[in-house]
Protein backbone atom coordinates (compact mmCIF):
# COMPACT_ATOMS: atom_id res chain seq x y z
CA MET A 1 8.91 -28.86 -4.42
CA LEU A 2 5.70 -27.06 -3.53
CA ILE A 3 6.32 -23.83 -1.65
CA GLU A 4 2.99 -23.80 0.13
CA THR A 5 3.80 -22.36 3.56
CA ILE A 6 4.76 -18.82 4.46
CA LEU A 7 7.92 -19.92 6.29
CA ALA A 8 9.13 -21.87 3.24
CA ALA A 9 9.00 -18.63 1.22
CA PHE A 10 11.81 -17.34 3.42
CA GLU A 11 13.93 -20.45 2.78
CA MET A 12 13.60 -21.12 -0.95
CA ASP A 13 17.36 -20.96 -1.55
CA GLU A 14 17.99 -23.37 1.29
CA ILE A 15 15.29 -25.80 0.10
CA LEU A 16 16.69 -25.86 -3.42
CA TYR A 17 20.19 -26.40 -2.09
CA GLU A 18 19.20 -29.33 0.10
CA LEU A 19 17.28 -30.93 -2.79
CA ARG A 20 19.84 -29.99 -5.44
CA GLU A 21 20.23 -33.57 -6.74
CA HIS A 22 16.54 -34.45 -6.53
CA SER A 23 14.38 -31.42 -7.39
CA ALA A 24 13.53 -30.01 -10.82
CA GLY A 25 12.43 -26.73 -9.26
CA LEU A 26 9.88 -25.00 -7.09
CA ASN A 27 6.12 -24.68 -7.50
CA CYS A 28 3.68 -22.04 -6.28
CA GLY A 29 1.16 -23.55 -3.86
CA ARG A 30 -1.59 -20.91 -3.94
CA TRP A 31 -4.44 -22.02 -1.67
CA ASP A 32 -2.27 -23.87 0.83
CA TYR A 33 0.03 -20.86 0.92
CA ILE A 34 -2.84 -18.51 1.81
CA PHE A 35 -4.02 -20.97 4.46
CA SER A 36 -0.51 -21.05 5.93
CA PHE A 37 -0.38 -17.24 5.97
CA ILE A 38 -3.64 -17.01 7.93
CA LYS A 39 -2.68 -19.78 10.34
CA LYS A 40 0.82 -18.50 11.09
CA PHE A 41 -0.35 -14.95 11.90
CA ARG A 42 -3.76 -15.83 13.30
CA GLN A 43 -3.24 -13.97 16.58
CA LYS A 44 -2.19 -10.69 14.92
CA PRO A 45 -5.01 -8.35 13.81
CA GLU A 46 -2.73 -6.55 11.35
CA PHE A 47 -2.69 -9.72 9.23
CA LEU A 48 -6.45 -9.94 8.85
CA LEU A 49 -7.20 -10.82 5.22
CA PRO A 50 -10.17 -9.58 3.16
CA ASP A 51 -12.57 -11.84 1.23
CA ARG A 52 -10.55 -14.65 -0.32
CA ALA A 53 -11.80 -13.65 -3.76
CA LEU A 54 -9.69 -10.49 -3.31
CA VAL A 55 -6.54 -12.39 -2.29
CA THR A 56 -5.18 -12.92 -5.80
CA MET A 57 -1.79 -13.89 -7.16
CA ASP A 58 -1.08 -10.44 -8.62
CA LYS A 59 -1.33 -8.57 -5.31
CA ALA A 60 0.61 -7.97 -2.10
CA PHE A 61 2.30 -10.94 -0.42
CA LEU A 62 1.30 -13.37 -3.17
CA LYS A 63 2.88 -11.33 -5.97
CA ALA A 64 6.06 -10.94 -3.91
CA TYR A 65 6.13 -14.70 -3.33
CA VAL A 66 5.70 -15.45 -7.04
CA ASP A 67 8.41 -13.02 -8.15
CA LEU A 68 10.87 -14.25 -5.53
CA LEU A 69 10.22 -17.90 -6.42
CA ILE A 70 10.95 -17.28 -10.10
CA GLN A 71 14.08 -15.25 -9.36
CA THR A 72 15.37 -17.85 -6.88
CA CYS A 73 14.80 -20.77 -9.25
CA HIS A 74 16.28 -19.16 -12.33
CA ARG A 75 19.34 -17.90 -10.50
CA ARG A 76 20.08 -21.54 -9.66
CA GLY A 77 19.06 -23.04 -13.00
CA ALA A 78 15.90 -24.64 -11.61
CA HIS A 79 12.40 -24.47 -13.05
CA ALA A 80 9.70 -22.21 -11.60
CA MET A 81 6.26 -23.77 -11.88
CA GLY A 82 3.07 -21.73 -11.72
CA GLY A 83 -0.01 -22.53 -9.66
CA MET A 84 -3.04 -24.63 -10.47
CA ALA A 85 -6.04 -23.27 -12.36
CA ALA A 86 -8.97 -24.66 -10.40
CA GLN A 87 -11.63 -24.05 -13.08
CA ILE A 88 -13.40 -27.00 -14.70
CA PRO A 89 -15.41 -26.97 -17.96
CA ILE A 90 -19.07 -25.94 -17.64
CA LYS A 91 -20.87 -28.06 -20.21
CA SER A 92 -24.36 -26.79 -19.35
CA ASP A 93 -23.66 -23.08 -19.94
CA SER A 94 -21.52 -21.97 -22.87
CA GLY A 95 -21.39 -18.34 -21.70
CA ALA A 96 -20.25 -19.25 -18.20
CA ASN A 97 -17.81 -21.75 -19.71
CA GLU A 98 -16.20 -19.08 -21.87
CA LYS A 99 -15.83 -16.78 -18.86
CA ALA A 100 -14.17 -19.60 -16.92
CA PHE A 101 -11.75 -20.33 -19.75
CA ASP A 102 -10.97 -16.64 -20.09
CA LYS A 103 -10.00 -16.56 -16.40
CA VAL A 104 -7.63 -19.45 -17.07
CA ARG A 105 -6.12 -17.65 -20.06
CA GLN A 106 -5.55 -14.46 -18.07
CA ASP A 107 -4.05 -16.38 -15.16
CA LYS A 108 -1.67 -18.35 -17.38
CA LEU A 109 -0.73 -15.21 -19.28
CA ARG A 110 0.22 -13.60 -15.97
CA GLU A 111 2.33 -16.62 -15.10
CA VAL A 112 4.23 -16.88 -18.36
CA ARG A 113 4.89 -13.14 -18.47
CA ALA A 114 6.21 -13.26 -14.91
CA GLY A 115 8.73 -15.91 -16.00
CA HIS A 116 7.25 -19.27 -15.04
CA ASP A 117 8.47 -22.28 -17.01
CA GLY A 118 5.30 -24.32 -16.74
CA THR A 119 1.99 -24.55 -14.95
CA TRP A 120 -0.79 -26.77 -13.60
CA VAL A 121 -4.48 -27.20 -14.34
CA ALA A 122 -7.11 -29.08 -12.34
CA HIS A 123 -8.93 -30.59 -15.32
CA PRO A 124 -7.59 -32.17 -18.55
CA GLY A 125 -10.03 -30.02 -20.50
CA LEU A 126 -7.91 -26.99 -19.66
CA ILE A 127 -4.57 -28.39 -20.82
CA THR A 128 -4.82 -27.08 -24.38
CA THR A 129 -5.82 -23.61 -23.18
CA ALA A 130 -2.90 -23.36 -20.76
CA LEU A 131 -0.43 -24.91 -23.20
CA ASP A 132 -1.42 -22.50 -25.97
CA ILE A 133 -0.78 -19.48 -23.74
CA PHE A 134 2.67 -20.75 -22.77
CA GLN A 135 3.62 -21.71 -26.32
CA GLN A 136 2.53 -18.34 -27.67
CA ASN A 137 4.48 -16.38 -25.06
CA MET A 138 7.53 -18.57 -24.37
CA SER A 139 10.16 -18.90 -27.11
CA GLY A 140 11.74 -22.13 -25.85
CA SER A 141 10.95 -25.05 -23.58
CA ASN A 142 11.58 -22.91 -20.50
CA GLN A 143 12.45 -19.36 -19.41
CA LEU A 144 15.58 -20.04 -17.38
CA ASP A 145 17.24 -17.12 -19.18
CA LYS A 146 14.72 -14.75 -17.58
CA LYS A 147 16.67 -14.04 -14.39
CA ARG A 148 14.23 -11.45 -13.02
CA GLU A 149 17.11 -9.32 -11.75
CA ASP A 150 14.59 -6.48 -11.44
CA VAL A 151 13.00 -8.24 -8.46
CA ARG A 152 13.74 -6.80 -5.02
CA VAL A 153 11.58 -8.65 -2.53
CA SER A 154 11.93 -7.81 1.16
CA ALA A 155 10.59 -9.61 4.22
CA GLN A 156 8.01 -6.84 4.48
CA ASP A 157 6.86 -7.55 0.92
CA LEU A 158 6.32 -11.22 1.75
CA LEU A 159 4.09 -10.17 4.66
CA CYS A 160 2.12 -7.41 2.90
CA VAL A 161 -1.66 -7.85 3.32
CA PRO A 162 -3.83 -7.04 0.27
CA GLU A 163 -6.43 -4.31 0.53
CA GLY A 164 -10.11 -5.14 0.50
CA ALA A 165 -13.23 -5.59 2.57
CA VAL A 166 -14.70 -8.43 4.57
CA SER A 167 -18.21 -8.82 3.15
CA GLU A 168 -21.32 -10.78 4.06
CA GLN A 169 -21.07 -12.50 0.69
CA GLY A 170 -17.48 -13.53 1.44
CA LEU A 171 -18.48 -14.83 4.87
CA ARG A 172 -21.37 -16.82 3.46
CA LEU A 173 -19.22 -18.26 0.66
CA ASN A 174 -16.63 -19.48 3.15
CA ILE A 175 -19.32 -21.13 5.25
CA ASN A 176 -21.14 -22.67 2.28
CA VAL A 177 -18.06 -24.05 0.55
CA GLY A 178 -16.53 -25.17 3.83
CA ILE A 179 -19.59 -27.25 4.71
CA LEU A 180 -19.92 -28.72 1.21
CA TYR A 181 -16.27 -29.74 1.08
CA LEU A 182 -16.25 -31.19 4.59
CA GLU A 183 -19.37 -33.22 3.81
CA SER A 184 -17.68 -34.80 0.80
CA TRP A 185 -14.46 -35.39 2.73
CA LEU A 186 -16.38 -37.19 5.47
CA ARG A 187 -17.71 -39.53 2.77
CA GLY A 188 -14.17 -40.28 1.60
CA ILE A 189 -14.00 -37.85 -1.33
CA GLY A 190 -11.07 -35.43 -1.10
CA CYS A 191 -11.20 -33.72 -4.50
CA VAL A 192 -14.58 -32.06 -4.97
CA PRO A 193 -16.10 -29.97 -7.81
CA LEU A 194 -17.90 -27.00 -6.23
CA TYR A 195 -19.41 -24.15 -8.21
CA HIS A 196 -17.36 -25.10 -11.29
CA LEU A 197 -14.06 -25.17 -9.39
CA MET A 198 -12.11 -28.25 -8.38
CA GLU A 199 -11.50 -27.92 -4.65
CA ASP A 200 -9.31 -29.80 -2.21
CA ALA A 201 -8.75 -29.52 1.53
CA ALA A 202 -6.89 -26.22 1.18
CA THR A 203 -10.11 -24.47 0.12
CA ALA A 204 -11.91 -25.64 3.24
CA GLU A 205 -8.88 -24.70 5.33
CA ILE A 206 -8.96 -21.13 4.02
CA SER A 207 -12.72 -20.97 4.50
CA ARG A 208 -12.76 -22.03 8.13
CA THR A 209 -9.58 -20.14 9.14
CA GLN A 210 -10.89 -16.93 7.60
CA VAL A 211 -14.14 -17.24 9.53
CA TRP A 212 -12.13 -17.92 12.71
CA GLN A 213 -9.81 -14.97 12.01
CA TRP A 214 -12.70 -12.59 11.29
CA ILE A 215 -14.44 -13.59 14.53
CA ARG A 216 -11.23 -13.42 16.54
CA HIS A 217 -10.39 -9.89 15.40
CA GLN A 218 -13.97 -8.62 15.07
CA ALA A 219 -13.86 -7.87 11.38
CA LYS A 220 -16.43 -5.29 10.35
CA LEU A 221 -18.80 -5.83 7.44
CA PRO A 222 -19.56 -2.88 5.11
CA ASP A 223 -22.90 -2.32 6.89
CA GLY A 224 -21.13 -1.92 10.24
CA ARG A 225 -21.93 -5.33 11.74
CA LEU A 226 -19.08 -7.16 13.45
CA VAL A 227 -18.35 -10.77 12.57
CA SER A 228 -19.31 -12.28 15.91
CA PRO A 229 -19.78 -15.90 17.00
CA GLU A 230 -23.53 -15.29 17.02
CA LEU A 231 -23.55 -13.90 13.47
CA ALA A 232 -21.39 -16.78 12.22
CA SER A 233 -23.64 -19.38 13.85
CA GLU A 234 -26.73 -17.73 12.38
CA MET A 235 -25.23 -17.78 8.89
CA ILE A 236 -24.08 -21.39 9.27
CA ASP A 237 -27.72 -22.36 9.95
CA GLN A 238 -28.89 -20.31 6.98
CA GLU A 239 -26.30 -21.71 4.59
CA LEU A 240 -27.08 -25.24 5.75
CA GLU A 241 -30.73 -24.64 4.87
CA LYS A 242 -29.66 -23.34 1.43
CA ILE A 243 -27.67 -26.53 0.92
CA ARG A 244 -30.73 -28.57 1.94
CA GLN A 245 -32.79 -26.76 -0.68
CA MET A 246 -30.05 -27.12 -3.31
CA THR A 247 -29.47 -30.86 -2.81
CA GLY A 248 -33.03 -31.87 -2.07
CA PRO A 249 -34.32 -33.57 1.11
CA GLU A 250 -33.39 -37.11 0.09
CA VAL A 251 -29.76 -36.36 -0.78
CA PHE A 252 -29.43 -34.12 2.25
CA GLU A 253 -30.64 -36.79 4.67
CA LYS A 254 -28.38 -39.46 3.17
CA GLY A 255 -25.35 -37.18 3.32
CA LYS A 256 -23.27 -35.88 6.21
CA PHE A 257 -24.20 -32.22 5.93
CA MET A 258 -25.36 -31.82 9.52
CA LEU A 259 -22.10 -33.27 10.83
CA ALA A 260 -20.07 -31.13 8.42
CA ALA A 261 -21.85 -27.97 9.57
CA SER A 262 -21.36 -28.91 13.21
CA LEU A 263 -17.63 -29.49 12.71
CA PHE A 264 -17.25 -26.29 10.70
CA GLU A 265 -18.99 -24.29 13.42
CA ASP A 266 -16.95 -25.91 16.17
CA MET A 267 -13.64 -25.15 14.42
CA SER A 268 -14.70 -21.60 13.59
CA LEU A 269 -15.77 -20.74 17.14
CA ARG A 270 -12.99 -22.38 19.14
CA ALA A 271 -10.75 -20.15 21.23
CA ASP A 272 -7.70 -21.78 19.65
CA LEU A 273 -7.49 -22.46 15.93
CA PRO A 274 -6.98 -26.17 15.14
CA ASP A 275 -3.91 -26.65 12.96
CA PHE A 276 -5.71 -28.82 10.40
CA LEU A 277 -9.39 -29.56 9.91
CA THR A 278 -8.55 -33.15 9.00
CA LEU A 279 -7.20 -33.77 12.50
CA ILE A 280 -10.66 -32.93 13.85
CA ALA A 281 -12.62 -34.69 11.12
CA TYR A 282 -10.63 -37.96 11.17
CA ASP A 283 -12.49 -39.00 14.33
CA HIS A 284 -15.72 -39.07 12.34
CA LEU A 285 -14.59 -41.24 9.42
CA ASP A 286 -16.18 -44.69 9.20
C-alpha cells in the first residue's frame, strides 16, 4: 500500500490492520506525498515549502514519515518499502551518468540504513545499483528485526516544514517541467523522461501547486521580489520560449505546448487550487 497522502501518514496502523490479509506492507510515495502536503495545507502560509529540490527524504516531515512507516511496518511484521529513484541512465554523458548513479547509491544507502526492506527504481538500468546497495547492507532478505524502537514521531514532526529558500531557479524549473509534462500528457503519454529523470503526474502536480502556493502567500525571492501573478505569467512566457528553442519550431508547432502553458498558467493563477490537474486537462484530450 502506497502511503502517498499526508492524512494516510496519520493512519498507517489502521491501514495495515484493515488490509492485514491482503497487504505485504507499506511503501513511501515521495512525490505524491509532497503534493498531498502542499494541497492539504494550501491556505496556511506557515506550510509554505521551499524549492522542491530542497524538500528531500532526509529532512523534516519527510524523514519523520519514513521513520514512522518503517517502525509501524516492522512492529506488525510487514515490509517497509522505500521510494522510487527517478534517475535514468545518461548514455550521452558518462560524467553526468556517474553523478546520477551516485545519487541513486546515496539514496538507497539512506533507505537501507533507515530499515527499509526493499526499494523501487524507475529504470531497469538502475536495478543492479540499487540491489547491490541493499545486498551489501542487509544481512537477510528483509530487516523485519529492525524495530526502530528509537523512533518517536509526533504529529508536529509529520507537519514540520523543511528550511530553505524560494528561488527564481526553483520557480522557473517548476514552470518548465510542468509545461513539458502537461504537453506529453495531453498527447497521451503519462510517463515522461525530463532532464534525465522519469516523471509522472505527481511531478507536474508539485510544480503547479508550488507555483500556486508561492503566489497565494507572496513568497519572496532572494532578491526581494514577490512571487506575484504577473511575475509567474512573465516567466511562463519566457520558459515557453525556451522550450520552443529547445524543441525546434517544427516539433513545437506539432506539439501541444501552447495549450499546456495555458493550462499551467490557469491552474497556477486561479483563486482556488484545483484538486488534480488531470481533472482540468481531461477536457482537452482527443
